């Protein structure tokens, strides 16, 4: 049986939940900013530095193609790193919070449901 709304509000106000949110935000915000800057650099260089992006490196492979492929690689690396970070830093704390909710009494009316 799910815990009552009051229990969820209590959990939301707890230090453990605040720590969980802090850990999530310390990963999400810097990573998001870094990726947006990296992506914006790619777009801006493609729009305004066409000569640079058109430099051929190997055969018909130019700088723009390499940067485009690096966009995919960086996306996968961020996803992989997040999954590692979550498994080590977020999931154990979230599991503790979840088990605290499960152990809480199901009702607050003295068992009269």
Foldseek 3Di string as FASTA:
>chain_A
DFADPVLVVVLCPDPLVVQLVVLVCVLPVVLVVVLVVLVVVLVCCVVPVVVQQCDDDPDRDGNNNVSVVVNVVSVVVSVVVVVVSCVPPRVVSVVVSVVVRVPDDRDDPVPDD
